[in-house]
């Protein structure tokens, strides 16, 4: 299962695999949902140049590759508009303060960030 998740290269493949898991095993427990969301974030972040997401507690740190395809002005604009939510955490990292400690809540906040950067 882990190998198939890791090999999913598109959101459509991931969604199809998630449906297959539900068909085979029934509704997924929270841990499985979190694992699938982790892979979904990996796929959503790749076009933005995201190489690492470190989420814990009420924060997440997003690390970008050198010269990411996201305009620096867009990141700066987010920080200026939402200074309590987004902060720079180094030359290639953006820290996101998330609304809750729950993993799926952090995932939703990261998805929103990716949508704003796209």
N, C-alpha and C. Protein backbone atom coordinates (compact mmCIF):
# COMPACT_ATOMS: atom_id res chain seq x y z
N UNK A 1 0.84 -1.20 0.00
CA UNK A 1 0.00 0.00 0.00
C UNK A 1 0.87 1.24 0.00
N UNK A 2 1.93 1.23 0.82
CA UNK A 2 2.82 2.39 0.85
C UNK A 2 3.49 2.63 -0.51
N UNK A 3 3.89 1.54 -1.14
CA UNK A 3 4.54 1.66 -2.44
C UNK A 3 3.58 2.24 -3.48
N UNK A 4 2.35 1.79 -3.47
CA UNK A 4 1.36 2.31 -4.43
C UNK A 4 1.07 3.79 -4.16
N UNK A 5 1.02 4.18 -2.89
CA UNK A 5 0.83 5.60 -2.57
C UNK A 5 2.01 6.42 -3.08
N UNK A 6 3.20 5.94 -2.83
CA UNK A 6 4.40 6.67 -3.25
C UNK A 6 4.49 6.77 -4.76
N UNK A 7 3.95 5.79 -5.47
CA UNK A 7 4.02 5.78 -6.93
C UNK A 7 2.90 6.58 -7.59
N UNK A 8 1.93 7.04 -6.83
CA UNK A 8 0.85 7.87 -7.40
C UNK A 8 1.46 9.21 -7.83
N UNK A 9 1.37 9.50 -9.11
CA UNK A 9 1.99 10.71 -9.65
C UNK A 9 1.01 11.83 -9.94
N UNK A 10 -0.29 11.53 -9.88
CA UNK A 10 -1.30 12.55 -10.13
C UNK A 10 -2.37 12.46 -9.04
N UNK A 11 -3.12 13.54 -8.90
CA UNK A 11 -4.22 13.53 -7.94
C UNK A 11 -5.28 12.52 -8.34
N UNK A 12 -5.46 12.33 -9.63
CA UNK A 12 -6.45 11.36 -10.10
C UNK A 12 -6.06 9.94 -9.70
N UNK A 13 -4.77 9.62 -9.82
CA UNK A 13 -4.29 8.30 -9.41
C UNK A 13 -4.48 8.11 -7.91
N UNK A 14 -4.19 9.15 -7.15
CA UNK A 14 -4.34 9.07 -5.70
C UNK A 14 -5.81 8.90 -5.32
N UNK A 15 -6.69 9.65 -5.97
CA UNK A 15 -8.13 9.52 -5.70
C UNK A 15 -8.63 8.12 -6.04
N UNK A 16 -8.18 7.59 -7.17
CA UNK A 16 -8.60 6.24 -7.56
C UNK A 16 -8.10 5.21 -6.56
N UNK A 17 -6.88 5.38 -6.08
CA UNK A 17 -6.35 4.45 -5.10
C UNK A 17 -7.11 4.55 -3.78
N UNK A 18 -7.47 5.77 -3.39
CA UNK A 18 -8.25 5.96 -2.16
C UNK A 18 -9.61 5.26 -2.29
N UNK A 19 -10.25 5.40 -3.44
CA UNK A 19 -11.54 4.73 -3.68
C UNK A 19 -11.37 3.21 -3.61
N UNK A 20 -10.28 2.72 -4.18
CA UNK A 20 -10.02 1.27 -4.14
C UNK A 20 -9.85 0.79 -2.71
N UNK A 21 -9.16 1.57 -1.89
CA UNK A 21 -8.98 1.19 -0.48
C UNK A 21 -10.32 1.14 0.25
N UNK A 22 -11.18 2.11 -0.03
CA UNK A 22 -12.50 2.15 0.61
C UNK A 22 -13.34 0.95 0.15
N UNK A 23 -13.28 0.66 -1.15
CA UNK A 23 -14.03 -0.50 -1.67
C UNK A 23 -13.55 -1.80 -1.03
N UNK A 24 -12.26 -1.90 -0.85
CA UNK A 24 -11.68 -3.15 -0.34
C UNK A 24 -11.81 -3.29 1.17
N UNK A 25 -11.58 -2.18 1.91
CA UNK A 25 -11.50 -2.27 3.37
C UNK A 25 -12.58 -1.50 4.11
N UNK A 26 -13.40 -0.74 3.41
CA UNK A 26 -14.40 0.08 4.08
C UNK A 26 -13.84 1.46 4.39
N UNK A 27 -14.60 2.22 5.17
CA UNK A 27 -14.18 3.58 5.51
C UNK A 27 -12.84 3.55 6.22
N UNK A 28 -11.98 4.47 5.83
CA UNK A 28 -10.63 4.50 6.36
C UNK A 28 -10.58 5.15 7.73
N UNK A 29 -9.74 4.63 8.63
CA UNK A 29 -9.54 5.31 9.91
C UNK A 29 -8.76 6.62 9.70
N UNK A 30 -8.75 7.44 10.71
CA UNK A 30 -8.12 8.76 10.61
C UNK A 30 -6.65 8.67 10.19
N UNK A 31 -5.94 7.68 10.66
CA UNK A 31 -4.53 7.54 10.33
C UNK A 31 -4.32 7.33 8.83
N UNK A 32 -5.19 6.57 8.22
CA UNK A 32 -5.10 6.33 6.77
C UNK A 32 -5.45 7.60 6.01
N UNK A 33 -6.47 8.30 6.48
CA UNK A 33 -6.84 9.58 5.84
C UNK A 33 -5.68 10.56 5.90
N UNK A 34 -4.99 10.59 7.04
CA UNK A 34 -3.85 11.48 7.21
C UNK A 34 -2.72 11.09 6.26
N UNK A 35 -2.48 9.81 6.13
CA UNK A 35 -1.44 9.33 5.21
C UNK A 35 -1.75 9.73 3.78
N UNK A 36 -2.99 9.56 3.36
CA UNK A 36 -3.39 9.93 2.00
C UNK A 36 -3.28 11.44 1.80
N UNK A 37 -3.69 12.22 2.81
CA UNK A 37 -3.57 13.68 2.71
C UNK A 37 -2.11 14.11 2.61
N UNK A 38 -1.23 13.39 3.28
CA UNK A 38 0.20 13.69 3.20
C UNK A 38 0.68 13.55 1.75
N UNK A 39 0.26 12.49 1.10
CA UNK A 39 0.65 12.30 -0.30
C UNK A 39 -0.04 13.31 -1.20
N UNK A 40 -1.26 13.68 -0.88
CA UNK A 40 -1.96 14.70 -1.67
C UNK A 40 -1.20 16.03 -1.58
N UNK A 41 -0.71 16.38 -0.40
CA UNK A 41 0.06 17.61 -0.24
C UNK A 41 1.36 17.55 -1.03
N UNK A 42 1.98 16.37 -1.06
CA UNK A 42 3.21 16.20 -1.83
C UNK A 42 2.94 16.49 -3.31
N UNK A 43 1.83 15.98 -3.82
CA UNK A 43 1.49 16.19 -5.23
C UNK A 43 1.11 17.65 -5.51
N UNK A 44 0.38 18.27 -4.59
CA UNK A 44 -0.03 19.66 -4.77
C UNK A 44 1.15 20.63 -4.65
N UNK A 45 2.11 20.28 -3.81
CA UNK A 45 3.26 21.16 -3.58
C UNK A 45 4.34 21.08 -4.64
N UNK A 46 4.44 19.96 -5.31
CA UNK A 46 5.52 19.77 -6.29
C UNK A 46 5.57 20.85 -7.37
N UNK A 47 4.45 21.23 -7.99
CA UNK A 47 4.52 22.27 -9.02
C UNK A 47 4.90 23.65 -8.47
N UNK A 48 4.79 23.82 -7.16
CA UNK A 48 5.14 25.09 -6.53
C UNK A 48 6.60 25.11 -6.06
N UNK A 49 7.30 24.00 -6.26
CA UNK A 49 8.69 23.93 -5.84
C UNK A 49 8.87 23.51 -4.40
N UNK A 50 7.83 22.94 -3.79
CA UNK A 50 7.92 22.50 -2.39
C UNK A 50 8.68 21.18 -2.35
N UNK A 51 9.72 21.14 -1.51
CA UNK A 51 10.50 19.92 -1.38
C UNK A 51 10.29 19.23 -0.04
N UNK A 52 9.75 19.97 0.93
CA UNK A 52 9.56 19.37 2.26
C UNK A 52 8.47 20.12 3.00
N UNK A 53 7.65 19.36 3.71
CA UNK A 53 6.63 19.94 4.59
C UNK A 53 6.84 19.32 5.96
N UNK A 54 7.08 20.15 6.94
CA UNK A 54 7.25 19.67 8.30
C UNK A 54 6.12 20.26 9.14
N UNK A 55 5.11 19.45 9.43
CA UNK A 55 3.94 19.92 10.17
C UNK A 55 3.90 19.26 11.54
N UNK A 56 3.75 20.08 12.55
CA UNK A 56 3.68 19.58 13.92
C UNK A 56 3.01 20.64 14.79
N UNK A 57 2.37 20.19 15.86
CA UNK A 57 1.71 21.13 16.75
C UNK A 57 0.73 22.00 16.00
N UNK A 58 0.87 23.29 16.17
CA UNK A 58 -0.02 24.24 15.49
C UNK A 58 0.72 25.01 14.40
N UNK A 59 1.75 24.40 13.83
CA UNK A 59 2.52 25.08 12.78
C UNK A 59 2.97 24.07 11.73
N UNK A 60 3.32 24.62 10.58
CA UNK A 60 3.90 23.82 9.50
C UNK A 60 4.97 24.67 8.83
N UNK A 61 6.07 24.06 8.48
CA UNK A 61 7.13 24.75 7.76
C UNK A 61 7.21 24.15 6.36
N UNK A 62 7.12 25.03 5.37
CA UNK A 62 7.17 24.63 3.98
C UNK A 62 8.53 25.03 3.44
N UNK A 63 9.28 24.05 2.93
CA UNK A 63 10.59 24.35 2.36
C UNK A 63 10.51 24.27 0.84
N UNK A 64 11.03 25.31 0.18
CA UNK A 64 11.02 25.38 -1.27
C UNK A 64 12.39 25.04 -1.82
N UNK A 65 12.40 24.55 -3.05
CA UNK A 65 13.68 24.31 -3.72
C UNK A 65 14.27 25.66 -4.10
N UNK A 66 15.57 25.71 -4.41
CA UNK A 66 16.15 26.98 -4.86
C UNK A 66 15.44 27.47 -6.13
N UNK A 67 15.19 28.73 -6.20
CA UNK A 67 14.50 29.37 -7.34
C UNK A 67 13.18 28.68 -7.67
N UNK A 68 12.25 28.66 -6.72
CA UNK A 68 10.96 28.01 -6.99
C UNK A 68 10.16 28.79 -8.02
N UNK A 69 9.19 28.14 -8.66
CA UNK A 69 8.38 28.82 -9.67
C UNK A 69 7.37 29.81 -9.09
N UNK A 70 7.30 29.93 -7.78
CA UNK A 70 6.39 30.86 -7.13
C UNK A 70 7.07 32.23 -7.05
N UNK A 71 6.38 33.26 -7.46
CA UNK A 71 6.94 34.61 -7.42
C UNK A 71 7.14 35.05 -5.97
N UNK A 72 8.30 35.59 -5.69
CA UNK A 72 8.62 36.06 -4.34
C UNK A 72 7.62 37.12 -3.89
N UNK A 73 7.12 37.91 -4.83
CA UNK A 73 6.15 38.95 -4.50
C UNK A 73 4.87 38.36 -3.93
N UNK A 74 4.50 37.19 -4.43
CA UNK A 74 3.27 36.54 -3.94
C UNK A 74 3.45 36.11 -2.49
N UNK A 75 4.61 35.56 -2.17
CA UNK A 75 4.88 35.14 -0.79
C UNK A 75 4.94 36.35 0.12
N UNK A 76 5.61 37.40 -0.32
CA UNK A 76 5.71 38.61 0.48
C UNK A 76 4.33 39.22 0.70
N UNK A 77 3.50 39.21 -0.34
CA UNK A 77 2.14 39.72 -0.21
C UNK A 77 1.32 38.95 0.82
N UNK A 78 1.47 37.63 0.82
CA UNK A 78 0.77 36.81 1.83
C UNK A 78 1.22 37.18 3.24
N UNK A 79 2.51 37.35 3.40
CA UNK A 79 3.04 37.70 4.73
C UNK A 79 2.54 39.07 5.15
N UNK A 80 2.49 40.02 4.21
CA UNK A 80 2.02 41.36 4.54
C UNK A 80 0.53 41.35 4.89
N UNK A 81 -0.27 40.56 4.16
CA UNK A 81 -1.70 40.50 4.42
C UNK A 81 -2.05 39.68 5.66
N UNK A 82 -1.30 38.62 5.89
CA UNK A 82 -1.63 37.67 6.96
C UNK A 82 -0.39 37.43 7.83
N UNK A 83 0.15 38.49 8.38
CA UNK A 83 1.39 38.41 9.16
C UNK A 83 1.32 37.50 10.37
N UNK A 84 0.13 37.28 10.90
CA UNK A 84 0.00 36.39 12.06
C UNK A 84 -0.08 34.93 11.64
N UNK A 85 -0.32 34.68 10.37
CA UNK A 85 -0.46 33.32 9.87
C UNK A 85 0.78 32.84 9.16
N UNK A 86 1.43 33.70 8.37
CA UNK A 86 2.59 33.32 7.57
C UNK A 86 3.80 34.12 7.99
N UNK A 87 4.96 33.44 8.08
CA UNK A 87 6.22 34.11 8.41
C UNK A 87 7.34 33.41 7.66
N UNK A 88 8.36 34.19 7.29
CA UNK A 88 9.54 33.58 6.69
C UNK A 88 10.32 32.87 7.79
N UNK A 89 10.86 31.71 7.45
CA UNK A 89 11.63 30.93 8.42
C UNK A 89 12.99 30.58 7.82
N UNK A 90 13.58 31.51 7.12
CA UNK A 90 14.85 31.29 6.44
C UNK A 90 14.71 31.68 4.98
N UNK A 91 15.77 31.56 4.22
CA UNK A 91 15.73 32.01 2.83
C UNK A 91 14.83 31.16 1.93
N UNK A 92 14.57 29.92 2.34
CA UNK A 92 13.78 29.04 1.48
C UNK A 92 12.61 28.39 2.22
N UNK A 93 12.24 28.94 3.37
CA UNK A 93 11.18 28.32 4.17
C UNK A 93 10.11 29.34 4.54
N UNK A 94 8.89 28.85 4.56
CA UNK A 94 7.74 29.65 4.96
C UNK A 94 7.05 28.92 6.10
N UNK A 95 6.85 29.61 7.21
CA UNK A 95 6.18 29.02 8.36
C UNK A 95 4.72 29.41 8.34
N UNK A 96 3.87 28.43 8.56
CA UNK A 96 2.43 28.61 8.55
C UNK A 96 1.90 28.23 9.91
N UNK A 97 1.25 29.17 10.58
CA UNK A 97 0.60 28.86 11.85
C UNK A 97 -0.79 28.36 11.53
N UNK A 98 -1.08 27.13 11.90
CA UNK A 98 -2.34 26.48 11.53
C UNK A 98 -3.37 26.65 12.64
N UNK A 99 -4.65 26.53 12.27
CA UNK A 99 -5.72 26.79 13.24
C UNK A 99 -5.93 25.69 14.28
N UNK A 100 -5.30 24.54 14.14
CA UNK A 100 -5.54 23.48 15.11
C UNK A 100 -4.40 22.48 15.13
N UNK A 101 -4.41 21.64 16.12
CA UNK A 101 -3.37 20.64 16.27
C UNK A 101 -3.67 19.37 15.48
N UNK A 102 -4.89 19.22 15.01
CA UNK A 102 -5.30 18.02 14.30
C UNK A 102 -4.63 17.97 12.93
N UNK A 103 -4.11 16.80 12.54
CA UNK A 103 -3.36 16.66 11.28
C UNK A 103 -4.19 17.06 10.06
N UNK A 104 -5.46 16.68 10.03
CA UNK A 104 -6.28 17.02 8.87
C UNK A 104 -6.56 18.52 8.79
N UNK A 105 -6.62 19.20 9.95
CA UNK A 105 -6.78 20.66 9.95
C UNK A 105 -5.53 21.33 9.39
N UNK A 106 -4.35 20.82 9.78
CA UNK A 106 -3.10 21.36 9.24
C UNK A 106 -3.05 21.15 7.73
N UNK A 107 -3.48 19.97 7.28
CA UNK A 107 -3.46 19.68 5.85
C UNK A 107 -4.35 20.66 5.09
N UNK A 108 -5.53 20.96 5.64
CA UNK A 108 -6.44 21.92 5.00
C UNK A 108 -5.79 23.30 4.91
N UNK A 109 -5.11 23.72 5.97
CA UNK A 109 -4.45 25.03 5.97
C UNK A 109 -3.32 25.06 4.94
N UNK A 110 -2.58 23.97 4.80
CA UNK A 110 -1.51 23.91 3.81
C UNK A 110 -2.09 23.93 2.40
N UNK A 111 -3.20 23.24 2.18
CA UNK A 111 -3.86 23.27 0.86
C UNK A 111 -4.28 24.69 0.51
N UNK A 112 -4.81 25.41 1.48
CA UNK A 112 -5.21 26.80 1.25
C UNK A 112 -4.00 27.65 0.87
N UNK A 113 -2.89 27.45 1.56
CA UNK A 113 -1.67 28.16 1.23
C UNK A 113 -1.25 27.86 -0.22
N UNK A 114 -1.24 26.58 -0.59
CA UNK A 114 -0.86 26.21 -1.95
C UNK A 114 -1.78 26.86 -2.98
N UNK A 115 -3.06 26.91 -2.66
CA UNK A 115 -4.03 27.55 -3.58
C UNK A 115 -3.71 29.03 -3.73
N UNK A 116 -3.33 29.68 -2.64
CA UNK A 116 -3.01 31.10 -2.69
C UNK A 116 -1.70 31.35 -3.46
N UNK A 117 -0.79 30.40 -3.41
CA UNK A 117 0.49 30.56 -4.11
C UNK A 117 0.40 30.21 -5.58
N UNK A 118 -0.59 29.40 -5.96
CA UNK A 118 -0.70 28.95 -7.36
C UNK A 118 -1.15 30.07 -8.28
